[in-house]
N, C-alpha and C. Protein backbone atom coordinates (compact mmCIF):
# COMPACT_ATOMS: atom_id res chain seq x y z
N MET A 1 12.51 7.68 -14.88
CA MET A 1 13.35 7.97 -16.02
C MET A 1 14.82 8.03 -15.59
N GLN A 2 15.07 8.58 -14.39
CA GLN A 2 16.44 8.68 -13.90
C GLN A 2 17.03 7.30 -13.65
N ILE A 3 16.26 6.40 -13.07
CA ILE A 3 16.74 5.05 -12.80
C ILE A 3 17.01 4.32 -14.11
N MET A 4 16.10 4.46 -15.06
CA MET A 4 16.30 3.79 -16.35
C MET A 4 17.57 4.30 -17.02
N ALA A 5 17.80 5.60 -16.96
CA ALA A 5 19.01 6.17 -17.58
C ALA A 5 20.26 5.69 -16.84
N ALA A 6 20.22 5.71 -15.51
CA ALA A 6 21.39 5.30 -14.72
C ALA A 6 21.73 3.83 -14.92
N ASP A 7 20.70 2.99 -15.08
CA ASP A 7 20.92 1.55 -15.23
C ASP A 7 21.03 1.11 -16.68
N GLY A 8 20.91 2.04 -17.60
CA GLY A 8 21.01 1.69 -19.02
C GLY A 8 19.84 0.87 -19.53
N VAL A 9 18.68 1.06 -18.94
CA VAL A 9 17.48 0.32 -19.36
C VAL A 9 16.93 0.93 -20.64
N VAL A 10 16.68 0.10 -21.61
CA VAL A 10 16.10 0.54 -22.88
C VAL A 10 14.73 -0.12 -23.01
N VAL A 11 13.71 0.69 -23.20
CA VAL A 11 12.35 0.20 -23.41
C VAL A 11 12.03 0.38 -24.88
N GLU A 12 11.62 -0.72 -25.51
CA GLU A 12 11.32 -0.69 -26.93
C GLU A 12 9.84 -1.01 -27.16
N PRO A 13 9.30 -0.56 -28.29
CA PRO A 13 7.90 -0.90 -28.60
C PRO A 13 7.69 -2.42 -28.53
N GLY A 14 6.59 -2.81 -27.89
CA GLY A 14 6.28 -4.22 -27.73
C GLY A 14 6.74 -4.79 -26.40
N ASP A 15 7.53 -4.04 -25.63
CA ASP A 15 8.00 -4.51 -24.32
C ASP A 15 6.89 -4.43 -23.28
N MET A 16 6.98 -5.34 -22.31
CA MET A 16 6.19 -5.24 -21.09
C MET A 16 7.10 -4.59 -20.05
N LEU A 17 6.65 -3.51 -19.43
CA LEU A 17 7.44 -2.82 -18.42
C LEU A 17 7.12 -3.42 -17.06
N LEU A 18 8.13 -3.99 -16.41
CA LEU A 18 7.97 -4.62 -15.11
C LEU A 18 8.68 -3.76 -14.07
N LEU A 19 7.94 -3.29 -13.05
CA LEU A 19 8.49 -2.41 -12.02
C LEU A 19 8.56 -3.16 -10.70
N HIS A 20 9.77 -3.33 -10.19
CA HIS A 20 9.96 -3.96 -8.89
C HIS A 20 10.19 -2.86 -7.86
N THR A 21 9.20 -2.66 -6.99
CA THR A 21 9.27 -1.61 -5.97
C THR A 21 9.66 -2.14 -4.61
N GLY A 22 9.52 -3.43 -4.40
CA GLY A 22 9.78 -4.03 -3.10
C GLY A 22 8.55 -4.10 -2.21
N PHE A 23 7.40 -3.67 -2.72
CA PHE A 23 6.17 -3.64 -1.93
C PHE A 23 5.78 -5.02 -1.40
N ALA A 24 5.84 -6.01 -2.26
CA ALA A 24 5.48 -7.37 -1.83
C ALA A 24 6.42 -7.86 -0.73
N ASP A 25 7.69 -7.49 -0.82
CA ASP A 25 8.65 -7.87 0.23
C ASP A 25 8.29 -7.22 1.56
N VAL A 26 7.87 -5.95 1.53
CA VAL A 26 7.47 -5.25 2.75
C VAL A 26 6.28 -5.97 3.39
N ILE A 27 5.31 -6.37 2.59
CA ILE A 27 4.14 -7.09 3.12
C ILE A 27 4.58 -8.40 3.78
N LEU A 28 5.41 -9.15 3.11
CA LEU A 28 5.86 -10.43 3.66
C LEU A 28 6.64 -10.24 4.96
N GLU A 29 7.42 -9.17 5.05
CA GLU A 29 8.19 -8.90 6.27
C GLU A 29 7.29 -8.56 7.44
N MET A 30 6.06 -8.20 7.20
CA MET A 30 5.12 -7.87 8.29
C MET A 30 4.53 -9.11 8.93
N ASP A 31 4.88 -10.27 8.42
CA ASP A 31 4.53 -11.55 9.03
C ASP A 31 3.05 -11.64 9.41
N ARG A 32 2.19 -11.41 8.41
CA ARG A 32 0.74 -11.53 8.56
C ARG A 32 0.12 -10.51 9.52
N ARG A 33 0.84 -9.44 9.80
CA ARG A 33 0.32 -8.35 10.63
C ARG A 33 0.56 -7.03 9.88
N PRO A 34 -0.15 -6.83 8.78
CA PRO A 34 0.10 -5.64 7.96
C PRO A 34 -0.25 -4.34 8.69
N ASP A 35 0.58 -3.35 8.51
CA ASP A 35 0.37 -2.02 9.04
C ASP A 35 -0.01 -1.12 7.87
N GLY A 36 -1.27 -0.76 7.78
CA GLY A 36 -1.78 0.02 6.66
C GLY A 36 -1.05 1.33 6.46
N GLU A 37 -0.75 2.05 7.54
CA GLU A 37 -0.04 3.32 7.42
C GLU A 37 1.36 3.12 6.86
N GLN A 38 2.06 2.12 7.35
CA GLN A 38 3.41 1.85 6.84
C GLN A 38 3.36 1.44 5.37
N LEU A 39 2.39 0.62 5.02
CA LEU A 39 2.26 0.19 3.63
C LEU A 39 1.97 1.38 2.71
N HIS A 40 1.14 2.29 3.20
CA HIS A 40 0.79 3.47 2.40
C HIS A 40 2.02 4.33 2.11
N ARG A 41 2.98 4.33 3.01
CA ARG A 41 4.19 5.14 2.85
C ARG A 41 5.35 4.36 2.24
N SER A 42 5.17 3.09 1.95
CA SER A 42 6.27 2.25 1.47
C SER A 42 6.34 2.21 -0.04
N CYS A 43 7.55 2.25 -0.54
CA CYS A 43 7.87 1.95 -1.93
C CYS A 43 7.36 2.98 -2.92
N ALA A 44 7.78 2.82 -4.16
CA ALA A 44 7.47 3.77 -5.22
C ALA A 44 6.16 3.42 -5.92
N VAL A 45 5.51 4.45 -6.41
CA VAL A 45 4.33 4.32 -7.26
C VAL A 45 4.47 5.32 -8.40
N LEU A 46 3.75 5.11 -9.47
CA LEU A 46 3.77 6.06 -10.58
C LEU A 46 2.75 7.16 -10.32
N ASP A 47 3.10 8.38 -10.72
CA ASP A 47 2.21 9.53 -10.57
C ASP A 47 1.36 9.64 -11.82
N GLY A 48 0.14 9.16 -11.75
CA GLY A 48 -0.76 9.18 -12.89
C GLY A 48 -1.17 10.56 -13.33
N ARG A 49 -0.88 11.58 -12.55
CA ARG A 49 -1.21 12.96 -12.93
C ARG A 49 -0.03 13.66 -13.62
N ASP A 50 1.06 12.95 -13.83
CA ASP A 50 2.24 13.53 -14.47
C ASP A 50 2.10 13.44 -15.99
N PRO A 51 1.86 14.57 -16.65
CA PRO A 51 1.65 14.52 -18.10
C PRO A 51 2.86 13.98 -18.87
N SER A 52 4.07 14.22 -18.37
CA SER A 52 5.24 13.70 -19.08
C SER A 52 5.31 12.18 -18.98
N LEU A 53 4.88 11.60 -17.87
CA LEU A 53 4.82 10.14 -17.74
C LEU A 53 3.80 9.57 -18.71
N LEU A 54 2.62 10.17 -18.75
CA LEU A 54 1.58 9.68 -19.65
C LEU A 54 2.02 9.77 -21.10
N GLN A 55 2.71 10.84 -21.46
CA GLN A 55 3.20 10.99 -22.83
C GLN A 55 4.27 9.94 -23.13
N TRP A 56 5.17 9.70 -22.14
CA TRP A 56 6.21 8.68 -22.34
C TRP A 56 5.58 7.31 -22.57
N ILE A 57 4.56 6.97 -21.80
CA ILE A 57 3.88 5.69 -21.98
C ILE A 57 3.30 5.60 -23.39
N SER A 58 2.65 6.67 -23.83
CA SER A 58 2.08 6.68 -25.18
C SER A 58 3.17 6.50 -26.24
N ASP A 59 4.27 7.22 -26.08
CA ASP A 59 5.34 7.21 -27.09
C ASP A 59 6.18 5.93 -27.05
N SER A 60 6.27 5.29 -25.89
CA SER A 60 7.17 4.15 -25.72
C SER A 60 6.75 2.90 -26.48
N GLY A 61 5.44 2.73 -26.66
CA GLY A 61 4.94 1.53 -27.32
C GLY A 61 4.91 0.31 -26.42
N VAL A 62 4.99 0.50 -25.08
CA VAL A 62 4.88 -0.65 -24.19
C VAL A 62 3.51 -1.28 -24.36
N VAL A 63 3.46 -2.60 -24.16
CA VAL A 63 2.19 -3.31 -24.33
C VAL A 63 1.55 -3.68 -23.00
N ALA A 64 2.26 -3.48 -21.89
CA ALA A 64 1.72 -3.73 -20.56
C ALA A 64 2.61 -3.06 -19.52
N LEU A 65 2.00 -2.63 -18.42
CA LEU A 65 2.72 -2.10 -17.26
C LEU A 65 2.39 -2.99 -16.07
N CYS A 66 3.41 -3.50 -15.42
CA CYS A 66 3.23 -4.42 -14.30
C CYS A 66 4.07 -3.94 -13.13
N ALA A 67 3.54 -4.04 -11.92
CA ALA A 67 4.28 -3.63 -10.73
C ALA A 67 3.94 -4.56 -9.58
N ASP A 68 4.83 -4.58 -8.59
CA ASP A 68 4.60 -5.41 -7.42
C ASP A 68 3.96 -4.60 -6.29
N ASN A 69 3.30 -3.50 -6.62
CA ASN A 69 2.60 -2.74 -5.60
C ASN A 69 1.09 -2.93 -5.78
N TYR A 70 0.30 -2.17 -5.06
CA TYR A 70 -1.13 -2.45 -5.02
C TYR A 70 -1.94 -1.86 -6.17
N ALA A 71 -1.42 -0.90 -6.91
CA ALA A 71 -2.24 -0.32 -7.98
C ALA A 71 -1.43 0.20 -9.16
N VAL A 72 -0.16 -0.03 -9.21
CA VAL A 72 0.77 0.50 -10.21
C VAL A 72 0.95 2.00 -10.00
N GLU A 73 -0.15 2.76 -9.94
CA GLU A 73 -0.06 4.20 -9.71
C GLU A 73 -0.44 4.54 -8.27
N ALA A 74 -0.12 5.76 -7.87
CA ALA A 74 -0.47 6.23 -6.53
C ALA A 74 -1.99 6.23 -6.36
N TYR A 75 -2.44 5.71 -5.24
CA TYR A 75 -3.86 5.75 -4.92
C TYR A 75 -4.02 6.18 -3.48
N PRO A 76 -4.79 7.21 -3.22
CA PRO A 76 -5.48 8.02 -4.22
C PRO A 76 -4.50 8.89 -4.99
N ALA A 77 -4.88 9.25 -6.21
CA ALA A 77 -4.06 10.15 -7.03
C ALA A 77 -4.02 11.52 -6.35
N ARG A 78 -2.93 12.25 -6.59
CA ARG A 78 -2.83 13.57 -5.95
C ARG A 78 -3.94 14.47 -6.46
N ASP A 79 -4.37 15.35 -5.58
CA ASP A 79 -5.49 16.24 -5.87
C ASP A 79 -5.13 17.28 -6.93
N VAL A 80 -6.09 17.59 -7.75
CA VAL A 80 -6.00 18.68 -8.72
C VAL A 80 -7.36 19.35 -8.76
N ASP A 81 -7.40 20.58 -9.24
CA ASP A 81 -8.67 21.29 -9.35
C ASP A 81 -9.49 20.74 -10.51
N GLY A 82 -10.79 20.76 -10.33
CA GLY A 82 -11.69 20.36 -11.39
C GLY A 82 -11.91 18.86 -11.45
N PRO A 83 -12.87 18.45 -12.27
CA PRO A 83 -13.17 17.02 -12.40
C PRO A 83 -12.03 16.28 -13.10
N ARG A 84 -11.64 15.18 -12.51
CA ARG A 84 -10.56 14.36 -13.05
C ARG A 84 -10.83 12.90 -12.73
N ALA A 85 -10.18 12.02 -13.47
CA ALA A 85 -10.30 10.58 -13.20
C ALA A 85 -9.67 10.27 -11.84
N ALA A 86 -10.28 9.35 -11.12
CA ALA A 86 -9.75 8.95 -9.81
C ALA A 86 -8.42 8.23 -9.96
N LEU A 87 -8.27 7.46 -11.02
CA LEU A 87 -7.03 6.74 -11.32
C LEU A 87 -6.58 7.12 -12.73
N PRO A 88 -5.89 8.25 -12.87
CA PRO A 88 -5.58 8.77 -14.20
C PRO A 88 -4.67 7.87 -15.04
N LEU A 89 -3.75 7.16 -14.42
CA LEU A 89 -2.90 6.24 -15.19
C LEU A 89 -3.74 5.10 -15.74
N HIS A 90 -4.67 4.61 -14.93
CA HIS A 90 -5.58 3.56 -15.40
C HIS A 90 -6.40 4.06 -16.58
N GLU A 91 -6.94 5.28 -16.46
CA GLU A 91 -7.73 5.83 -17.56
C GLU A 91 -6.89 5.92 -18.83
N HIS A 92 -5.69 6.43 -18.69
CA HIS A 92 -4.82 6.62 -19.86
C HIS A 92 -4.44 5.28 -20.50
N CYS A 93 -3.98 4.36 -19.67
CA CYS A 93 -3.49 3.08 -20.21
C CYS A 93 -4.63 2.18 -20.68
N LEU A 94 -5.60 1.94 -19.82
CA LEU A 94 -6.65 0.98 -20.14
C LEU A 94 -7.63 1.50 -21.18
N PHE A 95 -8.11 2.71 -21.00
CA PHE A 95 -9.20 3.20 -21.85
C PHE A 95 -8.73 3.94 -23.09
N LYS A 96 -7.62 4.67 -22.98
CA LYS A 96 -7.16 5.43 -24.14
C LYS A 96 -6.21 4.63 -25.02
N LEU A 97 -5.34 3.81 -24.39
CA LEU A 97 -4.32 3.10 -25.16
C LEU A 97 -4.56 1.60 -25.30
N GLY A 98 -5.39 1.02 -24.43
CA GLY A 98 -5.58 -0.43 -24.44
C GLY A 98 -4.38 -1.17 -23.87
N VAL A 99 -3.61 -0.50 -23.02
CA VAL A 99 -2.43 -1.11 -22.39
C VAL A 99 -2.85 -1.66 -21.03
N PRO A 100 -2.78 -2.98 -20.83
CA PRO A 100 -3.19 -3.55 -19.55
C PRO A 100 -2.20 -3.21 -18.43
N LEU A 101 -2.74 -3.15 -17.22
CA LEU A 101 -1.95 -2.95 -16.01
C LEU A 101 -2.06 -4.21 -15.16
N ALA A 102 -1.00 -4.52 -14.45
CA ALA A 102 -1.03 -5.68 -13.56
C ALA A 102 -0.29 -5.32 -12.29
N SER A 103 -0.86 -5.71 -11.16
CA SER A 103 -0.16 -5.53 -9.89
C SER A 103 -0.28 -6.82 -9.11
N CYS A 104 0.73 -7.09 -8.33
CA CYS A 104 0.71 -8.34 -7.57
C CYS A 104 0.99 -8.11 -6.10
N GLY A 105 0.71 -6.90 -5.60
CA GLY A 105 0.96 -6.63 -4.19
C GLY A 105 -0.27 -6.77 -3.32
N CYS A 106 -1.35 -7.29 -3.88
CA CYS A 106 -2.61 -7.39 -3.13
C CYS A 106 -2.52 -8.41 -2.02
């Protein structure tokens, strides 16, 4: 939200939200010798357990979320007490809203 405000990004209903994290660039810089630990610590991911993020997605009217990382959201999701979805952003977007997710960092 801070980056969008600082850069004057406006998201309107019907938009596809495209997130460039640089993850694919990090993979390519590893020259076919990926370091799993470094990749795990590289670049931004969405926190699927953040209720304000989930509410913003619902309210925004976006029709798709796309990122250049491996899962759009953090995987594994941060721990919370009690039974919860393993990928809460996926559950919210795909199953509750019908909003597709796309990632291209695989």
